[in-house]
Protein backbone atom coordinates (compact mmCIF):
# COMPACT_ATOMS: atom_id res chain seq x y z
CA UNK A 1 -9.52 -40.20 37.67
CA UNK A 2 -11.79 -40.30 34.62
CA UNK A 3 -10.98 -36.69 33.74
CA UNK A 4 -7.25 -37.40 33.90
CA UNK A 5 -7.65 -40.37 31.57
CA UNK A 6 -9.78 -38.30 29.18
CA UNK A 7 -7.23 -35.48 29.21
CA UNK A 8 -4.37 -37.88 28.54
CA UNK A 9 -6.37 -39.55 25.74
CA UNK A 10 -6.88 -36.09 24.22
CA UNK A 11 -3.12 -35.48 24.20
CA UNK A 12 -2.78 -33.40 27.37
CA UNK A 13 0.51 -34.46 28.88
CA UNK A 14 0.76 -32.17 31.92
CA UNK A 15 -1.97 -31.33 34.44
CA UNK A 16 -1.76 -29.16 37.55
CA UNK A 17 -3.90 -30.00 40.58
CA UNK A 18 -4.12 -26.99 42.89
CA UNK A 19 -4.93 -27.07 46.57
CA UNK A 20 -7.26 -24.59 48.25
CA UNK A 21 -6.39 -25.51 51.86
CA UNK A 22 -4.23 -28.03 53.72
CA UNK A 23 -6.49 -31.04 53.10
CA UNK A 24 -6.90 -30.41 49.36
CA UNK A 25 -3.19 -29.67 49.01
CA UNK A 26 -2.42 -33.11 50.41
CA UNK A 27 -5.02 -34.54 48.03
CA UNK A 28 -3.34 -32.77 45.09
CA UNK A 29 -0.01 -34.34 46.07
CA UNK A 30 -1.62 -37.79 46.38
CA UNK A 31 -3.18 -37.43 42.94
CA UNK A 32 0.16 -36.33 41.49
CA UNK A 33 1.87 -39.35 43.03
CA UNK A 34 -0.59 -41.65 41.24
CA UNK A 35 -0.25 -40.08 37.78
CA UNK A 36 2.94 -39.16 35.96
CA UNK A 37 1.09 -36.44 34.04
CA UNK A 38 -0.20 -34.69 37.19
CA UNK A 39 1.75 -32.15 39.24
CA UNK A 40 0.60 -30.36 42.40
CA UNK A 41 0.29 -26.82 43.68
CA UNK A 42 -0.21 -26.27 47.42
CA UNK A 43 -1.79 -23.26 49.08
CA UNK A 44 -4.84 -21.52 50.52
CA UNK A 45 -7.52 -20.13 48.21
CA UNK A 46 -8.58 -16.63 49.35
CA UNK A 47 -12.03 -17.91 50.40
CA UNK A 48 -10.34 -20.35 52.78
CA UNK A 49 -7.83 -17.95 54.37
CA UNK A 50 -10.02 -17.38 57.44
CA UNK A 51 -8.99 -20.94 58.42
CA UNK A 52 -5.28 -20.37 57.83
CA UNK A 53 -2.93 -20.07 60.78
CA UNK A 54 0.83 -19.61 61.16
CA UNK A 55 1.32 -23.37 61.51
CA UNK A 56 -0.26 -23.83 58.07
CA UNK A 57 2.54 -21.88 56.41
CA UNK A 58 5.01 -24.30 57.94
CA UNK A 59 2.95 -27.22 56.69
CA UNK A 60 2.78 -25.70 53.18
CA UNK A 61 6.56 -25.32 53.28
CA UNK A 62 6.90 -29.01 54.16
CA UNK A 63 4.51 -30.04 51.39
CA UNK A 64 6.35 -27.86 48.88
CA UNK A 65 9.46 -30.01 49.36
CA UNK A 66 7.65 -32.92 47.70
CA UNK A 67 9.10 -33.59 44.23
CA UNK A 68 5.65 -33.44 42.58
CA UNK A 69 4.89 -29.95 43.99
CA UNK A 70 5.74 -27.37 41.34
CA UNK A 71 3.87 -24.24 42.53
CA UNK A 72 2.21 -22.42 45.42
CA UNK A 73 -1.47 -21.99 44.72
CA UNK A 74 -4.25 -21.39 44.30
CA UNK A 75 -3.64 -18.16 46.21
CA UNK A 76 -4.95 -14.64 45.79
CA UNK A 77 -7.81 -12.28 46.53
CA UNK A 78 -11.56 -12.77 46.09
CA UNK A 79 -13.63 -9.69 46.93
CA UNK A 80 -16.74 -11.11 45.24
CA UNK A 81 -17.59 -13.41 48.12
CA UNK A 82 -17.40 -12.61 51.83
CA UNK A 83 -15.95 -15.89 53.10
CA UNK A 84 -12.73 -14.36 54.46
CA UNK A 85 -12.13 -10.77 55.56
CA UNK A 86 -10.19 -8.66 53.07
CA UNK A 87 -7.32 -8.05 55.47
CA UNK A 88 -7.06 -11.78 56.19
CA UNK A 89 -6.90 -12.49 52.45
CA UNK A 90 -4.22 -9.83 51.92
CA UNK A 91 -2.06 -11.15 54.75
CA UNK A 92 -2.41 -14.76 53.57
CA UNK A 93 -1.61 -13.79 49.99
CA UNK A 94 1.48 -11.88 51.04
CA UNK A 95 2.64 -14.73 53.32
CA UNK A 96 2.18 -17.29 50.55
CA UNK A 97 3.89 -15.07 47.96
CA UNK A 98 6.84 -14.74 50.33
CA UNK A 99 6.88 -18.51 50.84
CA UNK A 100 6.89 -19.05 47.08
CA UNK A 101 9.75 -16.60 46.63
CA UNK A 102 11.71 -18.20 49.45
CA UNK A 103 11.33 -21.57 47.70
CA UNK A 104 11.66 -20.13 44.17
CA UNK A 105 8.35 -21.74 43.21
CA UNK A 106 5.90 -20.10 40.81
CA UNK A 107 2.46 -19.05 42.05
CA UNK A 108 -1.05 -19.74 40.78
CA UNK A 109 -3.03 -16.52 41.34
CA UNK A 110 -6.79 -16.17 41.89
CA UNK A 111 -8.01 -12.59 41.34
CA UNK A 112 -11.76 -12.01 41.56
CA UNK A 113 -13.00 -8.42 41.74
CA UNK A 114 -9.81 -7.35 43.53
CA UNK A 115 -7.92 -5.81 40.64
CA UNK A 116 -6.51 -2.64 42.20
CA UNK A 117 -5.37 -4.35 45.36
CA UNK A 118 -3.95 -7.35 43.47
CA UNK A 119 -2.16 -5.11 40.98
CA UNK A 120 -0.31 -3.32 43.76
CA UNK A 121 0.55 -6.44 45.75
CA UNK A 122 1.86 -8.31 42.70
CA UNK A 123 3.78 -5.32 41.39
CA UNK A 124 5.55 -4.87 44.74
CA UNK A 125 6.15 -8.59 45.21
CA UNK A 126 7.42 -9.24 41.70
CA UNK A 127 10.07 -6.55 42.11
CA UNK A 128 11.07 -7.78 45.58
CA UNK A 129 11.17 -11.43 44.50
CA UNK A 130 13.15 -10.95 41.29
CA UNK A 131 16.43 -12.12 42.82
CA UNK A 132 14.86 -15.25 44.32
CA UNK A 133 13.67 -16.49 40.93
CA UNK A 134 16.84 -15.85 38.91
CA UNK A 135 15.07 -16.00 35.56
CA UNK A 136 12.51 -18.65 36.53
CA UNK A 137 8.80 -17.90 35.94
CA UNK A 138 6.95 -16.20 38.78
CA UNK A 139 3.66 -17.93 38.03
CA UNK A 140 0.34 -17.47 36.30
CA UNK A 141 -2.99 -15.72 36.67
CA UNK A 142 -5.53 -18.54 36.99
CA UNK A 143 -8.71 -16.60 37.71
CA UNK A 144 -9.37 -13.09 36.42
CA UNK A 145 -12.86 -11.59 36.66
CA UNK A 146 -12.50 -8.28 34.86
CA UNK A 147 -13.12 -7.26 31.25
CA UNK A 148 -10.57 -6.43 28.55
CA UNK A 149 -10.65 -2.73 29.42
CA UNK A 150 -9.57 -3.56 32.96
CA UNK A 151 -6.97 -5.97 31.63
CA UNK A 152 -5.40 -3.07 29.74
CA UNK A 153 -4.97 -1.29 33.08
CA UNK A 154 -2.64 -4.12 34.09
CA UNK A 155 -0.02 -2.15 32.16
CA UNK A 156 1.37 -1.15 35.55
CA UNK A 157 2.32 -4.79 36.01
CA UNK A 158 3.46 -5.18 32.42
CA UNK A 159 6.08 -2.51 33.11
CA UNK A 160 7.75 -4.94 35.47
CA UNK A 161 9.96 -7.32 33.52
CA UNK A 162 9.54 -9.91 36.24
CA UNK A 163 5.76 -9.76 36.01
CA UNK A 164 5.85 -9.97 32.21
CA UNK A 165 7.94 -13.09 32.69
CA UNK A 166 5.32 -14.40 35.10
CA UNK A 167 2.63 -14.09 32.47
CA UNK A 168 4.63 -15.17 29.45
CA UNK A 169 6.76 -18.01 30.74
CA UNK A 170 4.44 -20.09 32.88
CA UNK A 171 3.15 -21.81 29.76
CA UNK A 172 6.73 -22.76 28.95
CA UNK A 173 7.07 -24.24 32.44
CA UNK A 174 3.99 -26.40 31.97
CA UNK A 175 5.41 -27.78 28.75
CA UNK A 176 8.53 -29.08 30.44
CA UNK A 177 8.41 -32.75 31.32
CA UNK A 178 10.91 -32.50 34.15
CA UNK A 179 9.85 -30.80 37.38
CA UNK A 180 13.53 -30.36 38.26
CA UNK A 181 13.66 -27.61 35.65
CA UNK A 182 11.91 -25.41 38.21
């Protein structure tokens, strides 16, 4: 609560509270309901995907219908820690990306030491999902653990117009005061 007040006092008018599992996703929604400047993202962080079951995707879908939910996240891959098996993370990421596309919601991506795998998954998904978004932003990269040299290798993704939109237009989304613009 204090951080929200401090952010608002500093001129920050839009904040995004991202879930990392079902419980924290509900908490993000509750926080967003209390503050007009706060919006919510719902999803499973890669380190929590070992706890994610098929019923959780249905629950995320239900949560995403809330008017204060504006994204699916924080989702992705984290190969630095060994909290969830790689294949479990990949499956959960793909399932949540598909959910986001189905709902035309942007994603908040966590990518820690998983560059090659993430690059391929996002490149494939961004091309497949292009129709679902109809010009809306695909999302943002929230966590990126590589150096600038590795960032240059993301050119594969930059070749995809949809992925360029994902990187360039999420900031525009956050500046909009009306969640209905999504």
